[in-house]
Amino acid sequence: GADKAAVARELGCDVVVDRRSEDVVSAVKDATGGRGADVIYDPVGGEA
């Protein structure tokens, strides 16, 4: 959601992906030049 995206930016995230309006996989690959993330912190499970 947009409200949570604003909070994430205020927290200092360099890149924010809104899973409700963006494809998470494509957005992360674009943000990393296709390399992906070195560490992924997942408190969600499921689709995340």
PDB file of all heavy atoms in Angstrom:
ATOM      1  N   GLY A   1       0.799  -1.213   0.000  1.00  0.00           N
ATOM      2  CA  GLY A   1       0.000   0.000   0.000  1.00  0.00           C
ATOM      3  C   GLY A   1       0.834   1.266   0.000  1.00  0.00           C
ATOM      4  O   GLY A   1       1.978   1.294   0.464  1.00  0.00           O
ATOM      5  N   ALA A   2       0.243   2.340  -0.522  1.00  0.00           N
ATOM      6  CA  ALA A   2       0.946   3.611  -0.665  1.00  0.00           C
ATOM      7  C   ALA A   2       1.335   4.215   0.683  1.00  0.00           C
ATOM      8  O   ALA A   2       2.421   4.795   0.826  1.00  0.00           O
ATOM      9  CB  ALA A   2       0.075   4.592  -1.454  1.00  0.00           C
ATOM     10  N   ASP A   3       0.458   4.099   1.678  1.00  0.00           N
ATOM     11  CA  ASP A   3       0.774   4.659   2.993  1.00  0.00           C
ATOM     12  C   ASP A   3       1.991   3.971   3.598  1.00  0.00           C
ATOM     13  O   ASP A   3       2.873   4.624   4.174  1.00  0.00           O
ATOM     14  CB  ASP A   3      -0.425   4.514   3.937  1.00  0.00           C
ATOM     15  CG  ASP A   3      -1.596   5.411   3.528  1.00  0.00           C
ATOM     16  OD1 ASP A   3      -1.370   6.321   2.717  1.00  0.00           O
ATOM     17  OD2 ASP A   3      -2.716   5.178   4.027  1.00  0.00           O
ATOM     18  N   LYS A   4       2.046   2.671   3.476  1.00  0.00           N
ATOM     19  CA  LYS A   4       3.185   1.927   4.019  1.00  0.00           C
ATOM     20  C   LYS A   4       4.449   2.197   3.204  1.00  0.00           C
ATOM     21  O   LYS A   4       5.559   2.186   3.749  1.00  0.00           O
ATOM     22  CB  LYS A   4       2.865   0.438   4.076  1.00  0.00           C
ATOM     23  CG  LYS A   4       1.771   0.111   5.080  1.00  0.00           C
ATOM     24  CD  LYS A   4       1.546  -1.380   5.236  1.00  0.00           C
ATOM     25  CE  LYS A   4       0.487  -1.661   6.305  1.00  0.00           C
ATOM     26  NZ  LYS A   4       0.281  -3.108   6.532  1.00  0.00           N
ATOM     27  N   ALA A   5       4.293   2.455   1.923  1.00  0.00           N
ATOM     28  CA  ALA A   5       5.442   2.802   1.096  1.00  0.00           C
ATOM     29  C   ALA A   5       6.068   4.105   1.583  1.00  0.00           C
ATOM     30  O   ALA A   5       7.303   4.241   1.643  1.00  0.00           O
ATOM     31  CB  ALA A   5       5.031   2.922  -0.368  1.00  0.00           C
ATOM     32  N   ALA A   6       5.230   5.065   1.953  1.00  0.00           N
ATOM     33  CA  ALA A   6       5.736   6.341   2.462  1.00  0.00           C
ATOM     34  C   ALA A   6       6.497   6.136   3.767  1.00  0.00           C
ATOM     35  O   ALA A   6       7.549   6.752   3.990  1.00  0.00           O
ATOM     36  CB  ALA A   6       4.577   7.314   2.664  1.00  0.00           C
ATOM     37  N   VAL A   7       5.976   5.263   4.622  1.00  0.00           N
ATOM     38  CA  VAL A   7       6.652   4.977   5.890  1.00  0.00           C
ATOM     39  C   VAL A   7       8.006   4.333   5.627  1.00  0.00           C
ATOM     40  O   VAL A   7       9.011   4.684   6.259  1.00  0.00           O
ATOM     41  CB  VAL A   7       5.773   4.060   6.769  1.00  0.00           C
ATOM     42  CG1 VAL A   7       6.561   3.547   7.978  1.00  0.00           C
ATOM     43  CG2 VAL A   7       4.532   4.799   7.226  1.00  0.00           C
ATOM     44  N   ALA A   8       8.062   3.396   4.697  1.00  0.00           N
ATOM     45  CA  ALA A   8       9.317   2.709   4.386  1.00  0.00           C
ATOM     46  C   ALA A   8      10.367   3.684   3.869  1.00  0.00           C
ATOM     47  O   ALA A   8      11.551   3.566   4.198  1.00  0.00           O
ATOM     48  CB  ALA A   8       9.065   1.597   3.368  1.00  0.00           C
ATOM     49  N   ARG A   9       9.942   4.653   3.078  1.00  0.00           N
ATOM     50  CA  ARG A   9      10.891   5.659   2.586  1.00  0.00           C
ATOM     51  C   ARG A   9      11.415   6.501   3.741  1.00  0.00           C
ATOM     52  O   ARG A   9      12.611   6.807   3.803  1.00  0.00           O
ATOM     53  CB  ARG A   9      10.222   6.541   1.539  1.00  0.00           C
ATOM     54  CG  ARG A   9       9.888   5.812   0.239  1.00  0.00           C
ATOM     55  CD  ARG A   9       9.412   6.752  -0.855  1.00  0.00           C
ATOM     56  NE  ARG A   9       8.973   5.994  -2.020  1.00  0.00           N
ATOM     57  CZ  ARG A   9       7.717   5.664  -2.256  1.00  0.00           C
ATOM     58  NH1 ARG A   9       6.760   6.031  -1.412  1.00  0.00           N
ATOM     59  NH2 ARG A   9       7.398   4.974  -3.330  1.00  0.00           N
ATOM     60  N   GLU A  10      10.533   6.876   4.657  1.00  0.00           N
ATOM     61  CA  GLU A  10      10.952   7.663   5.808  1.00  0.00           C
ATOM     62  C   GLU A  10      11.926   6.884   6.693  1.00  0.00           C
ATOM     63  O   GLU A  10      12.813   7.465   7.325  1.00  0.00           O
ATOM     64  CB  GLU A  10       9.732   8.088   6.626  1.00  0.00           C
ATOM     65  CG  GLU A  10       8.832   9.099   5.921  1.00  0.00           C
ATOM     66  CD  GLU A  10       7.574   9.390   6.707  1.00  0.00           C
ATOM     67  OE1 GLU A  10       7.443   8.875   7.844  1.00  0.00           O
ATOM     68  OE2 GLU A  10       6.708  10.121   6.190  1.00  0.00           O
ATOM     69  N   LEU A  11      11.775   5.555   6.723  1.00  0.00           N
ATOM     70  CA  LEU A  11      12.674   4.723   7.520  1.00  0.00           C
ATOM     71  C   LEU A  11      14.074   4.656   6.922  1.00  0.00           C
ATOM     72  O   LEU A  11      15.021   4.283   7.607  1.00  0.00           O
ATOM     73  CB  LEU A  11      12.106   3.303   7.638  1.00  0.00           C
ATOM     74  CG  LEU A  11      10.933   3.105   8.594  1.00  0.00           C
ATOM     75  CD1 LEU A  11      10.281   1.749   8.355  1.00  0.00           C
ATOM     76  CD2 LEU A  11      11.388   3.227  10.039  1.00  0.00           C
ATOM     77  N   GLY A  12      14.186   4.996   5.632  1.00  0.00           N
ATOM     78  CA  GLY A  12      15.499   4.991   4.995  1.00  0.00           C
ATOM     79  C   GLY A  12      15.691   3.968   3.906  1.00  0.00           C
ATOM     80  O   GLY A  12      16.817   3.791   3.420  1.00  0.00           O
ATOM     81  N   CYS A  13      14.637   3.263   3.498  1.00  0.00           N
ATOM     82  CA  CYS A  13      14.786   2.291   2.409  1.00  0.00           C
ATOM     83  C   CYS A  13      15.301   2.989   1.151  1.00  0.00           C
ATOM     84  O   CYS A  13      14.796   4.053   0.761  1.00  0.00           O
ATOM     85  CB  CYS A  13      13.448   1.620   2.102  1.00  0.00           C
ATOM     86  SG  CYS A  13      12.921   0.406   3.321  1.00  0.00           S
ATOM     87  N   ASP A  14      16.291   2.397   0.505  1.00  0.00           N
ATOM     88  CA  ASP A  14      16.829   2.951  -0.734  1.00  0.00           C
ATOM     89  C   ASP A  14      15.882   2.718  -1.902  1.00  0.00           C
ATOM     90  O   ASP A  14      15.803   3.535  -2.820  1.00  0.00           O
ATOM     91  CB  ASP A  14      18.188   2.318  -1.023  1.00  0.00           C
ATOM     92  CG  ASP A  14      19.201   2.589   0.081  1.00  0.00           C
ATOM     93  OD1 ASP A  14      19.735   3.717   0.130  1.00  0.00           O
ATOM     94  OD2 ASP A  14      19.429   1.693   0.910  1.00  0.00           O
ATOM     95  N   VAL A  15      15.184   1.596  -1.860  1.00  0.00           N
ATOM     96  CA  VAL A  15      14.193   1.253  -2.876  1.00  0.00           C
ATOM     97  C   VAL A  15      12.966   0.719  -2.160  1.00  0.00           C
ATOM     98  O   VAL A  15      13.090  -0.064  -1.210  1.00  0.00           O
ATOM     99  CB  VAL A  15      14.726   0.171  -3.851  1.00  0.00           C
ATOM    100  CG1 VAL A  15      13.644  -0.216  -4.865  1.00  0.00           C
ATOM    101  CG2 VAL A  15      15.978   0.651  -4.557  1.00  0.00           C
ATOM    102  N   VAL A  16      11.787   1.158  -2.568  1.00  0.00           N
ATOM    103  CA  VAL A  16      10.537   0.672  -1.978  1.00  0.00           C
ATOM    104  C   VAL A  16       9.689   0.042  -3.076  1.00  0.00           C
ATOM    105  O   VAL A  16       9.485   0.647  -4.136  1.00  0.00           O
ATOM    106  CB  VAL A  16       9.756   1.807  -1.286  1.00  0.00           C
ATOM    107  CG1 VAL A  16       8.420   1.274  -0.747  1.00  0.00           C
ATOM    108  CG2 VAL A  16      10.572   2.416  -0.159  1.00  0.00           C
ATOM    109  N   VAL A  17       9.200  -1.168  -2.826  1.00  0.00           N
ATOM    110  CA  VAL A  17       8.358  -1.884  -3.779  1.00  0.00           C
ATOM    111  C   VAL A  17       6.995  -2.101  -3.148  1.00  0.00           C
ATOM    112  O   VAL A  17       6.882  -2.711  -2.075  1.00  0.00           O
ATOM    113  CB  VAL A  17       8.984  -3.248  -4.157  1.00  0.00           C
ATOM    114  CG1 VAL A  17       8.073  -3.983  -5.145  1.00  0.00           C
ATOM    115  CG2 VAL A  17      10.373  -3.065  -4.733  1.00  0.00           C
ATOM    116  N   ASP A  18       5.956  -1.590  -3.794  1.00  0.00           N
ATOM    117  CA  ASP A  18       4.581  -1.786  -3.321  1.00  0.00           C
ATOM    118  C   ASP A  18       4.012  -3.023  -3.998  1.00  0.00           C
ATOM    119  O   ASP A  18       3.723  -3.000  -5.199  1.00  0.00           O
ATOM    120  CB  ASP A  18       3.738  -0.544  -3.646  1.00  0.00           C
ATOM    121  CG  ASP A  18       2.323  -0.624  -3.090  1.00  0.00           C
ATOM    122  OD1 ASP A  18       1.918  -1.711  -2.619  1.00  0.00           O
ATOM    123  OD2 ASP A  18       1.608   0.394  -3.132  1.00  0.00           O
ATOM    124  N   ARG A  19       3.868  -4.081  -3.230  1.00  0.00           N
ATOM    125  CA  ARG A  19       3.430  -5.354  -3.814  1.00  0.00           C
ATOM    126  C   ARG A  19       2.002  -5.288  -4.346  1.00  0.00           C
ATOM    127  O   ARG A  19       1.593  -6.162  -5.129  1.00  0.00           O
ATOM    128  CB  ARG A  19       3.532  -6.471  -2.775  1.00  0.00           C
ATOM    129  CG  ARG A  19       2.737  -6.249  -1.505  1.00  0.00           C
ATOM    130  CD  ARG A  19       2.871  -7.411  -0.532  1.00  0.00           C
ATOM    131  NE  ARG A  19       2.263  -7.141   0.755  1.00  0.00           N
ATOM    132  CZ  ARG A  19       0.960  -7.231   1.001  1.00  0.00           C
ATOM    133  NH1 ARG A  19       0.138  -7.611   0.033  1.00  0.00           N
ATOM    134  NH2 ARG A  19       0.477  -6.971   2.199  1.00  0.00           N
ATOM    135  N   ARG A  20       1.243  -4.261  -3.944  1.00  0.00           N
ATOM    136  CA  ARG A  20      -0.142  -4.141  -4.421  1.00  0.00           C
ATOM    137  C   ARG A  20      -0.215  -3.529  -5.821  1.00  0.00           C
ATOM    138  O   ARG A  20      -1.217  -3.718  -6.518  1.00  0.00           O
ATOM    139  CB  ARG A  20      -0.971  -3.306  -3.446  1.00  0.00           C
ATOM    140  CG  ARG A  20      -1.166  -3.979  -2.092  1.00  0.00           C
ATOM    141  CD  ARG A  20      -2.060  -3.163  -1.190  1.00  0.00           C
ATOM    142  NE  ARG A  20      -2.243  -3.806   0.099  1.00  0.00           N
ATOM    143  CZ  ARG A  20      -2.921  -3.253   1.112  1.00  0.00           C
ATOM    144  NH1 ARG A  20      -3.472  -2.049   0.967  1.00  0.00           N
ATOM    145  NH2 ARG A  20      -3.036  -3.904   2.261  1.00  0.00           N
ATOM    146  N   SER A  21       0.802  -2.788  -6.197  1.00  0.00           N
ATOM    147  CA  SER A  21       0.764  -2.122  -7.501  1.00  0.00           C
ATOM    148  C   SER A  21       1.946  -2.493  -8.389  1.00  0.00           C
ATOM    149  O   SER A  21       1.993  -2.064  -9.546  1.00  0.00           O
ATOM    150  CB  SER A  21       0.735  -0.596  -7.309  1.00  0.00           C
ATOM    151  OG  SER A  21       1.886  -0.146  -6.602  1.00  0.00           O
ATOM    152  N   GLU A  22       2.906  -3.271  -7.869  1.00  0.00           N
ATOM    153  CA  GLU A  22       4.081  -3.646  -8.646  1.00  0.00           C
ATOM    154  C   GLU A  22       4.314  -5.146  -8.561  1.00  0.00           C
ATOM    155  O   GLU A  22       3.913  -5.798  -7.600  1.00  0.00           O
ATOM    156  CB  GLU A  22       5.334  -2.930  -8.119  1.00  0.00           C
ATOM    157  CG  GLU A  22       5.262  -1.420  -8.113  1.00  0.00           C
ATOM    158  CD  GLU A  22       6.493  -0.813  -7.471  1.00  0.00           C
ATOM    159  OE1 GLU A  22       7.554  -0.803  -8.129  1.00  0.00           O
ATOM    160  OE2 GLU A  22       6.397  -0.358  -6.308  1.00  0.00           O
ATOM    161  N   ASP A  23       4.974  -5.670  -9.574  1.00  0.00           N
ATOM    162  CA  ASP A  23       5.418  -7.055  -9.531  1.00  0.00           C
ATOM    163  C   ASP A  23       6.713  -7.089  -8.738  1.00  0.00           C
ATOM    164  O   ASP A  23       7.727  -6.504  -9.160  1.00  0.00           O
ATOM    165  CB  ASP A  23       5.635  -7.583 -10.945  1.00  0.00           C
ATOM    166  CG  ASP A  23       6.104  -9.027 -10.949  1.00  0.00           C
ATOM    167  OD1 ASP A  23       5.254  -9.934 -10.950  1.00  0.00           O
ATOM    168  OD2 ASP A  23       7.339  -9.250 -10.918  1.00  0.00           O
ATOM    169  N   VAL A  24       6.690  -7.744  -7.592  1.00  0.00           N
ATOM    170  CA  VAL A  24       7.835  -7.717  -6.683  1.00  0.00           C
ATOM    171  C   VAL A  24       9.082  -8.288  -7.337  1.00  0.00           C
ATOM    172  O   VAL A  24      10.176  -7.701  -7.258  1.00  0.00           O
ATOM    173  CB  VAL A  24       7.514  -8.483  -5.379  1.00  0.00           C
ATOM    174  CG1 VAL A  24       8.764  -8.602  -4.506  1.00  0.00           C
ATOM    175  CG2 VAL A  24       6.400  -7.780  -4.612  1.00  0.00           C
ATOM    176  N   VAL A  25       8.959  -9.413  -7.992  1.00  0.00           N
ATOM    177  CA  VAL A  25      10.123 -10.070  -8.588  1.00  0.00           C
ATOM    178  C   VAL A  25      10.765  -9.172  -9.640  1.00  0.00           C
ATOM    179  O   VAL A  25      11.983  -8.950  -9.648  1.00  0.00           O
ATOM    180  CB  VAL A  25       9.735 -11.430  -9.182  1.00  0.00           C
ATOM    181  CG1 VAL A  25      10.915 -12.044  -9.930  1.00  0.00           C
ATOM    182  CG2 VAL A  25       9.262 -12.359  -8.072  1.00  0.00           C
ATOM    183  N   SER A  26       9.962  -8.619 -10.541  1.00  0.00           N
ATOM    184  CA  SER A  26      10.500  -7.756 -11.598  1.00  0.00           C
ATOM    185  C   SER A  26      11.123  -6.499 -11.014  1.00  0.00           C
ATOM    186  O   SER A  26      12.202  -6.068 -11.454  1.00  0.00           O
ATOM    187  CB  SER A  26       9.389  -7.373 -12.580  1.00  0.00           C
ATOM    188  OG  SER A  26       8.882  -8.508 -13.247  1.00  0.00           O
ATOM    189  N   ALA A  27      10.458  -5.907 -10.013  1.00  0.00           N
ATOM    190  CA  ALA A  27      10.952  -4.664  -9.423  1.00  0.00           C
ATOM    191  C   ALA A  27      12.290  -4.871  -8.731  1.00  0.00           C
ATOM    192  O   ALA A  27      13.202  -4.041  -8.842  1.00  0.00           O
ATOM    193  CB  ALA A  27       9.928  -4.107  -8.445  1.00  0.00           C
ATOM    194  N   VAL A  28      12.433  -5.984  -8.019  1.00  0.00           N
ATOM    195  CA  VAL A  28      13.694  -6.252  -7.312  1.00  0.00           C
ATOM    196  C   VAL A  28      14.805  -6.553  -8.308  1.00  0.00           C
ATOM    197  O   VAL A  28      15.948  -6.078  -8.154  1.00  0.00           O
ATOM    198  CB  VAL A  28      13.521  -7.409  -6.308  1.00  0.00           C
ATOM    199  CG1 VAL A  28      14.868  -7.798  -5.705  1.00  0.00           C
ATOM    200  CG2 VAL A  28      12.544  -7.016  -5.213  1.00  0.00           C
ATOM    201  N   LYS A  29      14.504  -7.307  -9.343  1.00  0.00           N
ATOM    202  CA  LYS A  29      15.523  -7.596 -10.355  1.00  0.00           C
ATOM    203  C   LYS A  29      15.967  -6.318 -11.055  1.00  0.00           C
ATOM    204  O   LYS A  29      17.163  -6.117 -11.327  1.00  0.00           O
ATOM    205  CB  LYS A  29      14.992  -8.618 -11.358  1.00  0.00           C
ATOM    206  CG  LYS A  29      14.893 -10.032 -10.791  1.00  0.00           C
ATOM    207  CD  LYS A  29      14.471 -11.046 -11.849  1.00  0.00           C
ATOM    208  CE  LYS A  29      14.485 -12.461 -11.283  1.00  0.00           C
ATOM    209  NZ  LYS A  29      14.068 -13.461 -12.301  1.00  0.00           N
ATOM    210  N   ASP A  30      15.010  -5.434 -11.339  1.00  0.00           N
ATOM    211  CA  ASP A  30      15.357  -4.159 -11.963  1.00  0.00           C
ATOM    212  C   ASP A  30      16.242  -3.329 -11.045  1.00  0.00           C
ATOM    213  O   ASP A  30      17.206  -2.694 -11.490  1.00  0.00           O
ATOM    214  CB  ASP A  30      14.087  -3.366 -12.302  1.00  0.00           C
ATOM    215  CG  ASP A  30      13.310  -3.965 -13.466  1.00  0.00           C
ATOM    216  OD1 ASP A  30      13.888  -4.806 -14.201  1.00  0.00           O
ATOM    217  OD2 ASP A  30      12.130  -3.600 -13.639  1.00  0.00           O
ATOM    218  N   ALA A  31      15.915  -3.331  -9.756  1.00  0.00           N
ATOM    219  CA  ALA A  31      16.655  -2.507  -8.796  1.00  0.00           C
ATOM    220  C   ALA A  31      18.057  -3.029  -8.538  1.00  0.00           C
ATOM    221  O   ALA A  31      18.923  -2.283  -8.055  1.00  0.00           O
ATOM    222  CB  ALA A  31      15.881  -2.420  -7.482  1.00  0.00           C
ATOM    223  N   THR A  32      18.290  -4.306  -8.838  1.00  0.00           N
ATOM    224  CA  THR A  32      19.602  -4.915  -8.558  1.00  0.00           C
ATOM    225  C   THR A  32      20.352  -5.289  -9.829  1.00  0.00           C
ATOM    226  O   THR A  32      21.355  -6.013  -9.762  1.00  0.00           O
ATOM    227  CB  THR A  32      19.438  -6.171  -7.681  1.00  0.00           C
ATOM    228  OG1 THR A  32      18.601  -7.117  -8.369  1.00  0.00           O
ATOM    229  CG2 THR A  32      18.820  -5.825  -6.332  1.00  0.00           C
ATOM    230  N   GLY A  33      19.883  -4.820 -10.961  1.00  0.00           N
ATOM    231  CA  GLY A  33      20.533  -5.161 -12.217  1.00  0.00           C
ATOM    232  C   GLY A  33      20.481  -6.636 -12.532  1.00  0.00           C
ATOM    233  O   GLY A  33      21.372  -7.186 -13.187  1.00  0.00           O
ATOM    234  N   GLY A  34      19.445  -7.300 -12.034  1.00  0.00           N
ATOM    235  CA  GLY A  34      19.263  -8.724 -12.276  1.00  0.00           C
ATOM    236  C   GLY A  34      19.987  -9.627 -11.296  1.00  0.00           C
ATOM    237  O   GLY A  34      19.799 -10.845 -11.319  1.00  0.00           O
ATOM    238  N   ARG A  35      20.814  -9.053 -10.422  1.00  0.00           N
ATOM    239  CA  ARG A  35      21.616  -9.867  -9.510  1.00  0.00           C
ATOM    240  C   ARG A  35      20.794 -10.429  -8.356  1.00  0.00           C
ATOM    241  O   ARG A  35      21.021 -11.547  -7.904  1.00  0.00           O
ATOM    242  CB  ARG A  35      22.766  -9.026  -8.965  1.00  0.00           C
ATOM    243  CG  ARG A  35      23.692  -9.801  -8.045  1.00  0.00           C
ATOM    244  CD  ARG A  35      24.869  -8.939  -7.590  1.00  0.00           C
ATOM    245  NE  ARG A  35      25.739  -9.698  -6.701  1.00  0.00           N
ATOM    246  CZ  ARG A  35      25.523  -9.856  -5.401  1.00  0.00           C
ATOM    247  NH1 ARG A  35      24.471  -9.282  -4.844  1.00  0.00           N
ATOM    248  NH2 ARG A  35      26.349 -10.559  -4.655  1.00  0.00           N
ATOM    249  N   GLY A  36      19.863  -9.658  -7.822  1.00  0.00           N
ATOM    250  CA  GLY A  36      19.069 -10.089  -6.684  1.00  0.00           C
ATOM    251  C   GLY A  36      19.625  -9.577  -5.373  1.00  0.00           C
ATOM    252  O   GLY A  36      20.617  -8.835  -5.334  1.00  0.00           O
ATOM    253  N   ALA A  37      18.994  -9.959  -4.276  1.00  0.00           N
ATOM    254  CA  ALA A  37      19.365  -9.488  -2.937  1.00  0.00           C
ATOM    255  C   ALA A  37      20.273 -10.499  -2.244  1.00  0.00           C
ATOM    256  O   ALA A  37      20.048 -11.702  -2.305  1.00  0.00           O
ATOM    257  CB  ALA A  37      18.111  -9.253  -2.099  1.00  0.00           C
ATOM    258  N   ASP A  38      21.292  -9.982  -1.572  1.00  0.00           N
ATOM    259  CA  ASP A  38      22.223 -10.852  -0.858  1.00  0.00           C
ATOM    260  C   ASP A  38      21.585 -11.467   0.382  1.00  0.00           C
ATOM    261  O   ASP A  38      21.807 -12.638   0.698  1.00  0.00           O
ATOM    262  CB  ASP A  38      23.462 -10.051  -0.433  1.00  0.00           C
ATOM    263  CG  ASP A  38      24.196  -9.476  -1.620  1.00  0.00           C
ATOM    264  OD1 ASP A  38      24.799 -10.262  -2.371  1.00  0.00           O
ATOM    265  OD2 ASP A  38      24.145  -8.249  -1.807  1.00  0.00           O
ATOM    266  N   VAL A  39      20.810 -10.658   1.098  1.00  0.00           N
ATOM    267  CA  VAL A  39      20.123 -11.136   2.296  1.00  0.00           C
ATOM    268  C   VAL A  39      18.656 -10.757   2.190  1.00  0.00           C
ATOM    269  O   VAL A  39      18.331  -9.612   1.830  1.00  0.00           O
ATOM    270  CB  VAL A  39      20.734 -10.542   3.583  1.00  0.00           C
ATOM    271  CG1 VAL A  39      19.916 -10.960   4.811  1.00  0.00           C
ATOM    272  CG2 VAL A  39      22.182 -10.971   3.742  1.00  0.00           C
ATOM    273  N   ILE A  40      17.771 -11.695   2.489  1.00  0.00           N
ATOM    274  CA  ILE A  40      16.328 -11.438   2.466  1.00  0.00           C
ATOM    275  C   ILE A  40      15.767 -11.758   3.839  1.00  0.00           C
ATOM    276  O   ILE A  40      15.977 -12.859   4.365  1.00  0.00           O
ATOM    277  CB  ILE A  40      15.624 -12.271   1.380  1.00  0.00           C
ATOM    278  CG1 ILE A  40      16.196 -11.924   0.005  1.00  0.00           C
ATOM    279  CG2 ILE A  40      14.119 -12.035   1.422  1.00  0.00           C
ATOM    280  CD1 ILE A  40      15.613 -12.732  -1.142  1.00  0.00           C
ATOM    281  N   TYR A  41      15.089 -10.792   4.410  1.00  0.00           N
ATOM    282  CA  TYR A  41      14.549 -10.903   5.774  1.00  0.00           C
ATOM    283  C   TYR A  41      13.040 -11.073   5.649  1.00  0.00           C
ATOM    284  O   TYR A  41      12.331 -10.160   5.212  1.00  0.00           O
ATOM    285  CB  TYR A  41      14.899  -9.631   6.547  1.00  0.00           C
ATOM    286  CG  TYR A  41      14.663  -9.696   8.037  1.00  0.00           C
ATOM    287  CD1 TYR A  41      15.558 -10.340   8.886  1.00  0.00           C
ATOM    288  CD2 TYR A  41      13.553  -9.068   8.604  1.00  0.00           C
ATOM    289  CE1 TYR A  41      15.354 -10.368  10.249  1.00  0.00           C
ATOM    290  CE2 TYR A  41      13.344  -9.092   9.967  1.00  0.00           C
ATOM    291  CZ  TYR A  41      14.249  -9.742  10.788  1.00  0.00           C
ATOM    292  OH  TYR A  41      14.055  -9.762  12.149  1.00  0.00           O
ATOM    293  N   ASP A  42      12.545 -12.254   6.026  1.00  0.00           N
ATOM    294  CA  ASP A  42      11.148 -12.600   5.749  1.00  0.00           C
ATOM    295  C   ASP A  42      10.358 -12.952   7.008  1.00  0.00           C
ATOM    296  O   ASP A  42      10.434 -14.088   7.498  1.00  0.00           O
ATOM    297  CB  ASP A  42      11.103 -13.769   4.762  1.00  0.00           C
ATOM    298  CG  ASP A  42       9.670 -14.158   4.404  1.00  0.00           C
ATOM    299  OD1 ASP A  42       8.744 -13.386   4.700  1.00  0.00           O
ATOM    300  OD2 ASP A  42       9.478 -15.242   3.827  1.00  0.00           O
ATOM    301  N   PRO A  43       9.565 -12.010   7.528  1.00  0.00           N
ATOM    302  CA  PRO A  43       8.659 -12.318   8.625  1.00  0.00           C
ATOM    303  C   PRO A  43       7.253 -12.684   8.150  1.00  0.00           C
ATOM    304  O   PRO A  43       6.327 -12.774   8.948  1.00  0.00           O
ATOM    305  CB  PRO A  43       8.628 -10.997   9.405  1.00  0.00           C
ATOM    306  CG  PRO A  43       8.803  -9.949   8.366  1.00  0.00           C
ATOM    307  CD  PRO A  43       9.620 -10.569   7.249  1.00  0.00           C
ATOM    308  N   VAL A  44       7.085 -12.859   6.844  1.00  0.00           N
ATOM    309  CA  VAL A  44       5.745 -13.004   6.248  1.00  0.00           C
ATOM    310  C   VAL A  44       5.434 -14.431   5.838  1.00  0.00           C
ATOM    311  O   VAL A  44       4.365 -14.965   6.111  1.00  0.00           O
ATOM    312  CB  VAL A  44       5.594 -12.057   5.035  1.00  0.00           C
ATOM    313  CG1 VAL A  44       4.208 -12.224   4.409  1.00  0.00           C
ATOM    314  CG2 VAL A  44       5.817 -10.611   5.450  1.00  0.00           C
ATOM    315  N   GLY A  45       6.373 -15.084   5.133  1.00  0.00           N
ATOM    316  CA  GLY A  45       6.104 -16.423   4.624  1.00  0.00           C
ATOM    317  C   GLY A  45       5.182 -16.391   3.424  1.00  0.00           C
ATOM    318  O   GLY A  45       4.976 -15.357   2.790  1.00  0.00           O
ATOM    319  N   GLY A  46       4.590 -17.528   3.100  1.00  0.00           N
ATOM    320  CA  GLY A  46       3.642 -17.594   1.996  1.00  0.00           C
ATOM    321  C   GLY A  46       4.227 -17.119   0.685  1.00  0.00           C
ATOM    322  O   GLY A  46       5.333 -17.495   0.299  1.00  0.00           O
ATOM    323  N   GLU A  47       3.485 -16.265  -0.015  1.00  0.00           N
ATOM    324  CA  GLU A  47       3.915 -15.753  -1.314  1.00  0.00           C
ATOM    325  C   GLU A  47       5.204 -14.952  -1.214  1.00  0.00           C
ATOM    326  O   GLU A  47       6.022 -14.952  -2.149  1.00  0.00           O
ATOM    327  CB  GLU A  47       2.804 -14.888  -1.923  1.00  0.00           C
ATOM    328  CG  GLU A  47       3.131 -14.274  -3.273  1.00  0.00           C
ATOM    329  CD  GLU A  47       3.421 -15.309  -4.362  1.00  0.00           C
ATOM    330  OE1 GLU A  47       2.957 -16.466  -4.233  1.00  0.00           O
ATOM    331  OE2 GLU A  47       4.098 -14.950  -5.343  1.00  0.00           O
ATOM    332  N   ALA A  48       5.398 -14.266  -0.084  1.00  0.00           N
ATOM    333  CA  ALA A  48       6.632 -13.493   0.098  1.00  0.00           C
ATOM    334  C   ALA A  48       7.855 -14.406   0.031  1.00  0.00           C
ATOM    335  O   ALA A  48       8.883 -14.041  -0.563  1.00  0.00           O
ATOM    336  CB  ALA A  48       6.606 -12.739   1.424  1.00  0.00           C
TER     337      ALA A  48
END
